[in-house]
C-alpha atoms as a PDB file:
ATOM      1  CA  MET A   1       0.070  33.613 -48.898  1.00  0.00           C
ATOM      2  CA  ALA A   2      -1.070  29.983 -49.196  1.00  0.00           C
ATOM      3  CA  ALA A   3       2.450  28.531 -49.070  1.00  0.00           C
ATOM      4  CA  PRO A   4       3.271  29.582 -45.473  1.00  0.00           C
ATOM      5  CA  ARG A   5      -0.041  28.160 -44.257  1.00  0.00           C
ATOM      6  CA  ASP A   6       0.576  24.876 -46.078  1.00  0.00           C
ATOM      7  CA  HIS A   7       4.093  24.725 -44.665  1.00  0.00           C
ATOM      8  CA  LYS A   8       2.768  25.344 -41.181  1.00  0.00           C
ATOM      9  CA  GLY A   9       0.132  22.664 -41.628  1.00  0.00           C
ATOM     10  CA  TRP A  10       2.697  20.115 -42.764  1.00  0.00           C
ATOM     11  CA  GLY A  11       4.902  20.999 -39.798  1.00  0.00           C
ATOM     12  CA  SER A  12       2.047  20.509 -37.343  1.00  0.00           C
ATOM     13  CA  ALA A  13       1.105  17.194 -38.964  1.00  0.00           C
ATOM     14  CA  LEU A  14       4.722  16.009 -38.774  1.00  0.00           C
ATOM     15  CA  VAL A  15       5.035  16.923 -35.096  1.00  0.00           C
ATOM     16  CA  MET A  16       1.738  15.187 -34.285  1.00  0.00           C
ATOM     17  CA  THR A  17       2.762  12.085 -36.236  1.00  0.00           C
ATOM     18  CA  LEU A  18       6.110  11.865 -34.448  1.00  0.00           C
ATOM     19  CA  TYR A  19       4.377  12.351 -31.098  1.00  0.00           C
ATOM     20  CA  LEU A  20       1.861   9.574 -31.804  1.00  0.00           C
ATOM     21  CA  LEU A  21       4.631   7.248 -32.926  1.00  0.00           C
ATOM     22  CA  PHE A  22       6.522   8.010 -29.732  1.00  0.00           C
ATOM     23  CA  LEU A  23       3.429   7.086 -27.690  1.00  0.00           C
ATOM     24  CA  LEU A  24       2.758   3.917 -29.666  1.00  0.00           C
ATOM     25  CA  VAL A  25       6.294   2.508 -29.443  1.00  0.00           C
ATOM     26  CA  PRO A  26       5.856   1.018 -25.908  1.00  0.00           C
ATOM     27  CA  ILE A  27       2.490  -0.491 -26.878  1.00  0.00           C
ATOM     28  CA  TYR A  28       3.941  -1.977 -30.059  1.00  0.00           C
ATOM     29  CA  TRP A  29       6.886  -3.392 -28.159  1.00  0.00           C
ATOM     30  CA  LEU A  30       4.536  -4.936 -25.578  1.00  0.00           C
ATOM     31  CA  VAL A  31       2.488  -6.601 -28.331  1.00  0.00           C
ATOM     32  CA  ASN A  32       5.692  -7.684 -30.060  1.00  0.00           C
ATOM     33  CA  MET A  33       6.998  -9.340 -26.881  1.00  0.00           C
ATOM     34  CA  SER A  34       3.686 -11.113 -26.260  1.00  0.00           C
ATOM     35  CA  PHE A  35       4.188 -13.211 -29.410  1.00  0.00           C
ATOM     36  CA  LYS A  36       7.769 -14.204 -28.590  1.00  0.00           C
ATOM     37  CA  THR A  37       9.306 -16.903 -26.468  1.00  0.00           C
ATOM     38  CA  ASN A  38      11.386 -16.016 -23.419  1.00  0.00           C
ATOM     39  CA  ALA A  39      14.544 -17.146 -25.206  1.00  0.00           C
ATOM     40  CA  GLU A  40      13.894 -14.777 -28.098  1.00  0.00           C
ATOM     41  CA  ILE A  41      12.958 -11.890 -25.774  1.00  0.00           C
ATOM     42  CA  THR A  42      16.157 -12.214 -23.762  1.00  0.00           C
ATOM     43  CA  GLY A  43      18.249 -12.970 -26.846  1.00  0.00           C
ATOM     44  CA  ASP A  44      19.025 -10.811 -29.861  1.00  0.00           C
ATOM     45  CA  PHE A  45      17.174  -7.596 -30.650  1.00  0.00           C
ATOM     46  CA  SER A  46      14.355  -8.013 -33.197  1.00  0.00           C
ATOM     47  CA  LEU A  47      11.551  -5.752 -34.379  1.00  0.00           C
ATOM     48  CA  PHE A  48       9.266  -8.698 -35.229  1.00  0.00           C
ATOM     49  CA  PRO A  49       8.788 -12.159 -33.710  1.00  0.00           C
ATOM     50  CA  ARG A  50      11.030 -14.630 -35.529  1.00  0.00           C
ATOM     51  CA  HIS A  51       9.101 -17.592 -34.161  1.00  0.00           C
ATOM     52  CA  LEU A  52       5.497 -16.456 -33.712  1.00  0.00           C
ATOM     53  CA  THR A  53       3.823 -18.141 -30.741  1.00  0.00           C
ATOM     54  CA  PHE A  54       0.421 -17.889 -29.070  1.00  0.00           C
ATOM     55  CA  ALA A  55       1.503 -19.933 -26.061  1.00  0.00           C
ATOM     56  CA  ASN A  56       1.624 -16.852 -23.845  1.00  0.00           C
ATOM     57  CA  TYR A  57      -2.027 -15.979 -24.504  1.00  0.00           C
ATOM     58  CA  ARG A  58      -2.976 -19.648 -24.210  1.00  0.00           C
ATOM     59  CA  THR A  59      -1.446 -19.717 -20.736  1.00  0.00           C
ATOM     60  CA  ILE A  60      -3.463 -16.731 -19.594  1.00  0.00           C
ATOM     61  CA  LEU A  61      -6.769 -17.900 -21.082  1.00  0.00           C
ATOM     62  CA  THR A  62      -6.488 -21.450 -19.716  1.00  0.00           C
ATOM     63  CA  ASP A  63      -4.820 -20.936 -16.324  1.00  0.00           C
ATOM     64  CA  PRO A  64      -7.358 -19.914 -13.610  1.00  0.00           C
ATOM     65  CA  SER A  65      -4.671 -18.104 -11.653  1.00  0.00           C
ATOM     66  CA  TRP A  66      -4.357 -15.734 -14.629  1.00  0.00           C
ATOM     67  CA  TYR A  67      -7.823 -15.269 -16.123  1.00  0.00           C
ATOM     68  CA  MET A  68      -9.511 -15.038 -12.713  1.00  0.00           C
ATOM     69  CA  GLY A  69      -7.343 -11.989 -12.084  1.00  0.00           C
ATOM     70  CA  TYR A  70      -9.177 -10.215 -14.910  1.00  0.00           C
ATOM     71  CA  VAL A  71     -12.541 -11.384 -13.590  1.00  0.00           C
ATOM     72  CA  ASN A  72     -11.743 -10.153 -10.083  1.00  0.00           C
ATOM     73  CA  SER A  73     -10.517  -6.809 -11.390  1.00  0.00           C
ATOM     74  CA  MET A  74     -13.629  -6.271 -13.484  1.00  0.00           C
ATOM     75  CA  ILE A  75     -15.888  -7.117 -10.533  1.00  0.00           C
ATOM     76  CA  TYR A  76     -14.407  -4.689  -8.017  1.00  0.00           C
ATOM     77  CA  VAL A  77     -13.775  -1.973 -10.616  1.00  0.00           C
ATOM     78  CA  GLY A  78     -17.412  -2.180 -11.752  1.00  0.00           C
ATOM     79  CA  LEU A  79     -18.629  -2.076  -8.157  1.00  0.00           C
ATOM     80  CA  ASN A  80     -16.425   0.889  -7.376  1.00  0.00           C
ATOM     81  CA  THR A  81     -17.532   2.832 -10.447  1.00  0.00           C
ATOM     82  CA  VAL A  82     -21.231   2.329  -9.670  1.00  0.00           C
ATOM     83  CA  ILE A  83     -20.842   3.156  -5.962  1.00  0.00           C
ATOM     84  CA  SER A  84     -18.627   6.190  -6.570  1.00  0.00           C
ATOM     85  CA  VAL A  85     -20.931   7.775  -9.156  1.00  0.00           C
ATOM     86  CA  ALA A  86     -24.073   6.963  -7.136  1.00  0.00           C
ATOM     87  CA  VAL A  87     -22.632   8.575  -4.013  1.00  0.00           C
ATOM     88  CA  ALA A  88     -21.080  11.513  -5.854  1.00  0.00           C
ATOM     89  CA  LEU A  89     -24.273  12.562  -7.675  1.00  0.00           C
ATOM     90  CA  PRO A  90     -26.268  13.760  -4.624  1.00  0.00           C
ATOM     91  CA  ALA A  91     -23.119  15.088  -2.949  1.00  0.00           C
ATOM     92  CA  ALA A  92     -22.162  17.137  -6.006  1.00  0.00           C
ATOM     93  CA  TYR A  93     -25.735  18.435  -6.299  1.00  0.00           C
ATOM     94  CA  ALA A  94     -25.626  19.606  -2.683  1.00  0.00           C
ATOM     95  CA  PHE A  95     -22.325  21.426  -3.221  1.00  0.00           C
ATOM     96  CA  SER A  96     -23.625  22.934  -6.452  1.00  0.00           C
ATOM     97  CA  ARG A  97     -27.062  24.120  -5.316  1.00  0.00           C
ATOM     98  CA  TYR A  98     -26.826  24.788  -1.569  1.00  0.00           C
ATOM     99  CA  ARG A  99     -24.693  26.858   0.757  1.00  0.00           C
ATOM    100  CA  PHE A 100     -24.181  25.521   4.268  1.00  0.00           C
ATOM    101  CA  MET A 101     -21.745  25.972   7.115  1.00  0.00           C
ATOM    102  CA  GLY A 102     -18.351  24.551   6.267  1.00  0.00           C
ATOM    103  CA  ASP A 103     -19.239  23.623   2.684  1.00  0.00           C
ATOM    104  CA  LYS A 104     -15.985  24.918   1.217  1.00  0.00           C
ATOM    105  CA  HIS A 105     -13.925  23.245   3.950  1.00  0.00           C
ATOM    106  CA  LEU A 106     -15.747  19.957   3.434  1.00  0.00           C
ATOM    107  CA  PHE A 107     -15.210  20.181  -0.313  1.00  0.00           C
ATOM    108  CA  PHE A 108     -11.508  20.842   0.220  1.00  0.00           C
ATOM    109  CA  TRP A 109     -11.271  17.931   2.676  1.00  0.00           C
ATOM    110  CA  LEU A 110     -12.747  15.606   0.050  1.00  0.00           C
ATOM    111  CA  LEU A 111     -10.080  16.664  -2.435  1.00  0.00           C
ATOM    112  CA  THR A 112      -7.299  16.118   0.112  1.00  0.00           C
ATOM    113  CA  ASN A 113      -8.298  12.439   0.223  1.00  0.00           C
ATOM    114  CA  ARG A 114      -7.516  12.266  -3.494  1.00  0.00           C
ATOM    115  CA  MET A 115      -4.161  13.944  -2.895  1.00  0.00           C
ATOM    116  CA  ALA A 116      -3.037  11.431  -0.251  1.00  0.00           C
ATOM    117  CA  PRO A 117      -0.969   8.447  -1.440  1.00  0.00           C
ATOM    118  CA  PRO A 118      -2.646   5.029  -1.118  1.00  0.00           C
ATOM    119  CA  ALA A 119       0.201   3.794   1.111  1.00  0.00           C
ATOM    120  CA  VAL A 120      -1.108   6.037   3.904  1.00  0.00           C
ATOM    121  CA  PHE A 121      -4.372   4.055   4.088  1.00  0.00           C
ATOM    122  CA  ALA A 122      -3.106   0.550   3.296  1.00  0.00           C
ATOM    123  CA  LEU A 123      -2.467  -0.525   6.898  1.00  0.00           C
ATOM    124  CA  PRO A 124      -5.694   0.971   8.382  1.00  0.00           C
ATOM    125  CA  PHE A 125      -7.790  -0.680   5.666  1.00  0.00           C
ATOM    126  CA  PHE A 126      -5.985  -3.994   6.157  1.00  0.00           C
ATOM    127  CA  GLN A 127      -6.596  -4.053   9.917  1.00  0.00           C
ATOM    128  CA  LEU A 128     -10.200  -2.870   9.577  1.00  0.00           C
ATOM    129  CA  TYR A 129     -11.173  -5.392   6.900  1.00  0.00           C
ATOM    130  CA  SER A 130      -9.397  -8.215   8.725  1.00  0.00           C
ATOM    131  CA  ALA A 131     -11.393  -7.400  11.859  1.00  0.00           C
ATOM    132  CA  VAL A 132     -14.808  -7.313  10.147  1.00  0.00           C
ATOM    133  CA  GLY A 133     -14.205 -10.234   7.772  1.00  0.00           C
ATOM    134  CA  LEU A 134     -13.997  -8.290   4.522  1.00  0.00           C
ATOM    135  CA  PHE A 135     -10.386  -9.130   3.715  1.00  0.00           C
ATOM    136  CA  ASP A 136      -9.892 -10.765   0.310  1.00  0.00           C
ATOM    137  CA  THR A 137     -13.327  -9.755  -0.999  1.00  0.00           C
ATOM    138  CA  HIS A 138     -14.283  -7.699  -4.035  1.00  0.00           C
ATOM    139  CA  ILE A 139     -16.365  -5.235  -2.046  1.00  0.00           C
ATOM    140  CA  ALA A 140     -13.375  -4.517   0.205  1.00  0.00           C
ATOM    141  CA  VAL A 141     -11.271  -3.220  -2.679  1.00  0.00           C
ATOM    142  CA  ALA A 142     -14.246  -1.402  -4.207  1.00  0.00           C
ATOM    143  CA  LEU A 143     -14.960   0.459  -0.955  1.00  0.00           C
ATOM    144  CA  ALA A 144     -11.280   1.249  -0.413  1.00  0.00           C
ATOM    145  CA  HIS A 145     -11.042   2.833  -3.856  1.00  0.00           C
ATOM    146  CA  CYS A 146     -14.109   4.955  -3.060  1.00  0.00           C
ATOM    147  CA  LEU A 147     -11.874   6.937  -0.700  1.00  0.00           C
ATOM    148  CA  PHE A 148     -10.114   8.347  -3.767  1.00  0.00           C
ATOM    149  CA  ASN A 149     -12.720   8.103  -6.510  1.00  0.00           C
ATOM    150  CA  VAL A 150     -15.707   9.658  -4.720  1.00  0.00           C
ATOM    151  CA  PRO A 151     -13.899  13.015  -4.195  1.00  0.00           C
ATOM    152  CA  LEU A 152     -12.782  12.966  -7.819  1.00  0.00           C
ATOM    153  CA  ALA A 153     -16.313  12.225  -9.053  1.00  0.00           C
ATOM    154  CA  VAL A 154     -17.795  14.923  -6.791  1.00  0.00           C
ATOM    155  CA  TRP A 155     -15.308  17.477  -8.096  1.00  0.00           C
ATOM    156  CA  ILE A 156     -16.040  16.615 -11.740  1.00  0.00           C
ATOM    157  CA  LEU A 157     -19.831  16.464 -11.362  1.00  0.00           C
ATOM    158  CA  GLU A 158     -20.013  19.667  -9.337  1.00  0.00           C
ATOM    159  CA  GLY A 159     -18.420  21.519 -12.237  1.00  0.00           C
ATOM    160  CA  PHE A 160     -21.035  20.175 -14.651  1.00  0.00           C
ATOM    161  CA  MET A 161     -23.949  20.827 -12.289  1.00  0.00           C
ATOM    162  CA  SER A 162     -22.869  24.400 -11.668  1.00  0.00           C
ATOM    163  CA  GLY A 163     -23.177  24.972 -15.399  1.00  0.00           C
ATOM    164  CA  VAL A 164     -26.881  24.035 -15.357  1.00  0.00           C
ATOM    165  CA  PRO A 165     -29.074  27.107 -14.608  1.00  0.00           C
ATOM    166  CA  ARG A 166     -30.935  26.997 -11.299  1.00  0.00           C
ATOM    167  CA  GLU A 167     -34.081  28.136 -13.102  1.00  0.00           C
ATOM    168  CA  ILE A 168     -34.454  24.606 -14.479  1.00  0.00           C
ATOM    169  CA  ASP A 169     -34.790  23.255 -10.928  1.00  0.00           C
ATOM    170  CA  GLU A 170     -37.325  25.901  -9.980  1.00  0.00           C
ATOM    171  CA  THR A 171     -39.382  25.392 -13.152  1.00  0.00           C
ATOM    172  CA  ALA A 172     -39.546  21.648 -12.542  1.00  0.00           C
ATOM    173  CA  TYR A 173     -40.785  22.178  -8.976  1.00  0.00           C
ATOM    174  CA  VAL A 174     -43.437  24.620 -10.173  1.00  0.00           C
ATOM    175  CA  ASP A 175     -44.592  22.013 -12.714  1.00  0.00           C
ATOM    176  CA  GLY A 176     -45.136  19.543  -9.885  1.00  0.00           C
ATOM    177  CA  TYR A 177     -42.043  17.351 -10.250  1.00  0.00           C
ATOM    178  CA  SER A 178     -40.794  15.638  -7.121  1.00  0.00           C
ATOM    179  CA  PHE A 179     -37.085  15.907  -6.474  1.00  0.00           C
ATOM    180  CA  GLN A 180     -36.442  12.269  -7.382  1.00  0.00           C
ATOM    181  CA  ARG A 181     -38.391  12.514 -10.633  1.00  0.00           C
ATOM    182  CA  PHE A 182     -36.775  15.826 -11.560  1.00  0.00           C
ATOM    183  CA  PHE A 183     -33.278  14.566 -10.784  1.00  0.00           C
ATOM    184  CA  VAL A 184     -33.618  11.332 -12.780  1.00  0.00           C
ATOM    185  CA  ARG A 185     -35.703  12.476 -15.745  1.00  0.00           C
ATOM    186  CA  ILE A 186     -34.513  16.070 -16.258  1.00  0.00           C
ATOM    187  CA  PHE A 187     -31.298  16.843 -14.404  1.00  0.00           C
ATOM    188  CA  MET A 188     -29.271  13.690 -15.047  1.00  0.00           C
ATOM    189  CA  PRO A 189     -29.763  13.814 -18.841  1.00  0.00           C
ATOM    190  CA  LEU A 190     -28.471  17.392 -18.771  1.00  0.00           C
ATOM    191  CA  ILE A 191     -25.238  16.287 -17.100  1.00  0.00           C
ATOM    192  CA  ALA A 192     -24.896  12.972 -18.943  1.00  0.00           C
ATOM    193  CA  SER A 193     -21.492  14.044 -20.252  1.00  0.00           C
ATOM    194  CA  GLY A 194     -20.310  14.725 -16.726  1.00  0.00           C
ATOM    195  CA  ILE A 195     -21.537  11.341 -15.515  1.00  0.00           C
ATOM    196  CA  GLY A 196     -19.712   9.651 -18.378  1.00  0.00           C
ATOM    197  CA  VAL A 197     -16.486  11.501 -17.599  1.00  0.00           C
ATOM    198  CA  ALA A 198     -16.733  10.770 -13.863  1.00  0.00           C
ATOM    199  CA  ALA A 199     -17.425   7.084 -14.521  1.00  0.00           C
ATOM    200  CA  PHE A 200     -14.473   6.915 -16.922  1.00  0.00           C
ATOM    201  CA  PHE A 201     -12.014   8.379 -14.425  1.00  0.00           C
ATOM    202  CA  CYS A 202     -13.333   6.204 -11.591  1.00  0.00           C
ATOM    203  CA  PHE A 203     -12.892   3.133 -13.786  1.00  0.00           C
ATOM    204  CA  MET A 204      -9.426   4.187 -14.877  1.00  0.00           C
ATOM    205  CA  PHE A 205      -8.042   4.960 -11.417  1.00  0.00           C
ATOM    206  CA  SER A 206      -9.555   1.812  -9.893  1.00  0.00           C
ATOM    207  CA  TRP A 207      -8.295  -0.365 -12.762  1.00  0.00           C
ATOM    208  CA  VAL A 208      -4.664   0.765 -12.538  1.00  0.00           C
ATOM    209  CA  GLU A 209      -4.393   1.037  -8.732  1.00  0.00           C
ATOM    210  CA  LEU A 210      -2.088  -1.644  -7.348  1.00  0.00           C
ATOM    211  CA  LEU A 211      -1.093  -1.048  -3.720  1.00  0.00           C
ATOM    212  CA  LEU A 212      -4.513  -1.281  -2.035  1.00  0.00           C
ATOM    213  CA  SER A 213      -5.809  -4.004  -4.333  1.00  0.00           C
ATOM    214  CA  ARG A 214      -2.729  -6.096  -3.609  1.00  0.00           C
ATOM    215  CA  THR A 215      -2.716  -5.427   0.144  1.00  0.00           C
ATOM    216  CA  LEU A 216      -6.418  -6.177   0.669  1.00  0.00           C
ATOM    217  CA  THR A 217      -6.547  -9.422  -1.351  1.00  0.00           C
ATOM    218  CA  SER A 218      -4.731 -12.732  -1.320  1.00  0.00           C
ATOM    219  CA  VAL A 219      -6.502 -15.465  -3.328  1.00  0.00           C
ATOM    220  CA  ASN A 220     -10.251 -15.118  -3.890  1.00  0.00           C
ATOM    221  CA  ALA A 221     -10.242 -11.505  -5.093  1.00  0.00           C
ATOM    222  CA  LYS A 222      -6.649 -11.078  -6.285  1.00  0.00           C
ATOM    223  CA  PRO A 223      -6.647  -8.707  -9.299  1.00  0.00           C
ATOM    224  CA  ILE A 224      -4.627  -9.051 -12.458  1.00  0.00           C
ATOM    225  CA  ALA A 225      -2.258  -6.248 -11.425  1.00  0.00           C
ATOM    226  CA  ALA A 226      -1.260  -8.225  -8.336  1.00  0.00           C
ATOM    227  CA  THR A 227      -0.964 -11.432 -10.359  1.00  0.00           C
ATOM    228  CA  MET A 228       1.434  -9.757 -12.767  1.00  0.00           C
ATOM    229  CA  THR A 229       3.775  -8.815  -9.896  1.00  0.00           C
ATOM    230  CA  ARG A 230       3.997 -12.426  -8.654  1.00  0.00           C
ATOM    231  CA  THR A 231       5.311 -14.241 -11.713  1.00  0.00           C
ATOM    232  CA  VAL A 232       8.898 -14.852 -10.586  1.00  0.00           C
ATOM    233  CA  SER A 233       9.898 -18.516 -10.807  1.00  0.00           C
ATOM    234  CA  ALA A 234      13.121 -20.427 -10.395  1.00  0.00           C
ATOM    235  CA  SER A 235      13.944 -19.687 -14.029  1.00  0.00           C
ATOM    236  CA  GLY A 236      13.292 -15.958 -13.631  1.00  0.00           C
ATOM    237  CA  LEU A 237      10.545 -13.767 -15.011  1.00  0.00           C
ATOM    238  CA  ASP A 238       8.188 -15.160 -17.634  1.00  0.00           C
ATOM    239  CA  TRP A 239       8.492 -12.161 -19.941  1.00  0.00           C
ATOM    240  CA  GLY A 240       6.223 -13.438 -22.687  1.00  0.00           C
ATOM    241  CA  VAL A 241       3.306 -14.192 -20.370  1.00  0.00           C
ATOM    242  CA  LEU A 242       3.753 -10.833 -18.648  1.00  0.00           C
ATOM    243  CA  ALA A 243       3.660  -9.055 -22.010  1.00  0.00           C
ATOM    244  CA  ALA A 244       0.517 -10.940 -23.053  1.00  0.00           C
ATOM    245  CA  ALA A 245      -1.114 -10.084 -19.728  1.00  0.00           C
ATOM    246  CA  GLY A 246      -0.214  -6.442 -20.272  1.00  0.00           C
ATOM    247  CA  VAL A 247      -1.822  -6.449 -23.722  1.00  0.00           C
ATOM    248  CA  LEU A 248      -5.016  -7.986 -22.350  1.00  0.00           C
ATOM    249  CA  THR A 249      -5.007  -5.462 -19.500  1.00  0.00           C
ATOM    250  CA  ILE A 250      -5.185  -2.591 -21.996  1.00  0.00           C
ATOM    251  CA  ILE A 251      -8.293  -3.965 -23.731  1.00  0.00           C
ATOM    252  CA  PRO A 252     -10.936  -3.211 -21.009  1.00  0.00           C
ATOM    253  CA  GLY A 253      -9.783   0.398 -20.734  1.00  0.00           C
ATOM    254  CA  ALA A 254      -9.845   0.776 -24.514  1.00  0.00           C
ATOM    255  CA  LEU A 255     -13.382  -0.609 -24.645  1.00  0.00           C
ATOM    256  CA  VAL A 256     -14.558   1.798 -21.946  1.00  0.00           C
ATOM    257  CA  ILE A 257     -13.042   4.719 -23.836  1.00  0.00           C
ATOM    258  CA  TRP A 258     -14.790   3.547 -27.018  1.00  0.00           C
ATOM    259  CA  PHE A 259     -18.233   3.344 -25.426  1.00  0.00           C
ATOM    260  CA  VAL A 260     -18.029   6.695 -23.592  1.00  0.00           C
ATOM    261  CA  ARG A 261     -15.910   8.553 -26.172  1.00  0.00           C
ATOM    262  CA  ASN A 262     -18.680  11.041 -26.992  1.00  0.00           C
ATOM    263  CA  TYR A 263     -19.235  11.863 -23.326  1.00  0.00           C
ATOM    264  CA  ILE A 264     -15.503  12.255 -22.736  1.00  0.00           C
ATOM    265  CA  ALA A 265     -15.155  14.650 -25.689  1.00  0.00           C
ATOM    266  CA  LYS A 266     -18.007  16.808 -24.400  1.00  0.00           C
ATOM    267  CA  GLY A 267     -16.693  16.574 -20.866  1.00  0.00           C
ATOM    268  CA  PHE A 268     -13.256  17.889 -21.739  1.00  0.00           C
ATOM    269  CA  ALA A 269     -14.923  20.736 -23.627  1.00  0.00           C
ATOM    270  CA  LEU A 270     -17.544  21.675 -21.031  1.00  0.00           C
ATOM    271  CA  GLY A 271     -16.776  20.310 -17.601  1.00  0.00           C
ATOM    272  CA  ARG A 272     -14.207  20.571 -14.866  1.00  0.00           C
ATOM    273  CA  VAL A 273     -11.647  18.102 -16.201  1.00  0.00           C
END
């Protein structure tokens, strides 16, 4: 009876290995291109760089028009993540613990904002920020992304909060805890996994969003995603620099996943993800 199980295990391992290889091929090819010259990229097919070069990374790390794109992206993504989670925490608690007129309709309306494409809001945001002097600022992009990330964070956190028994709230009040002290010292540690998951998704969606971040910035707050779409010169696309920029763009997301990996694992197992 052991042979069929071993055969099944080998089959599952083979399928998983092939699937992982399939996922890693684009990443490998991106890294491979980042160490090549444009002539080699557009020339013959090669699995490895024939003339290894670090000039593409040197361009990004020494040219302010490139490395400031990463700085700008990190600033508004960090702002958006903090604002979205801070706003979503009390909102999710209200949806989880209280019943009020129109609560289900309001919750559904929040989710519809996440369903709408960013192109719908690009022109209104552009005109509004131009009128109030927020155009081409980090906070402008951070607030614009809140339109999509706050509903997502509320939806995720509400699922975690609903899994915490209400008796914990009542016991804390009986013991003399104020709401602020109870929420920070007791309730938030109980939903730490949910906060980690919500922060991860807010970071991810804000980091990869292009349309709003490109429409609402021009020079001072232009993100790396917008910089990568404006690299056409008289000689064509600079493929090597674009590939190097793509590799460096993956690193912040990978670091975030590494630091919150435990919370994400618990979140997928317990929460509404």
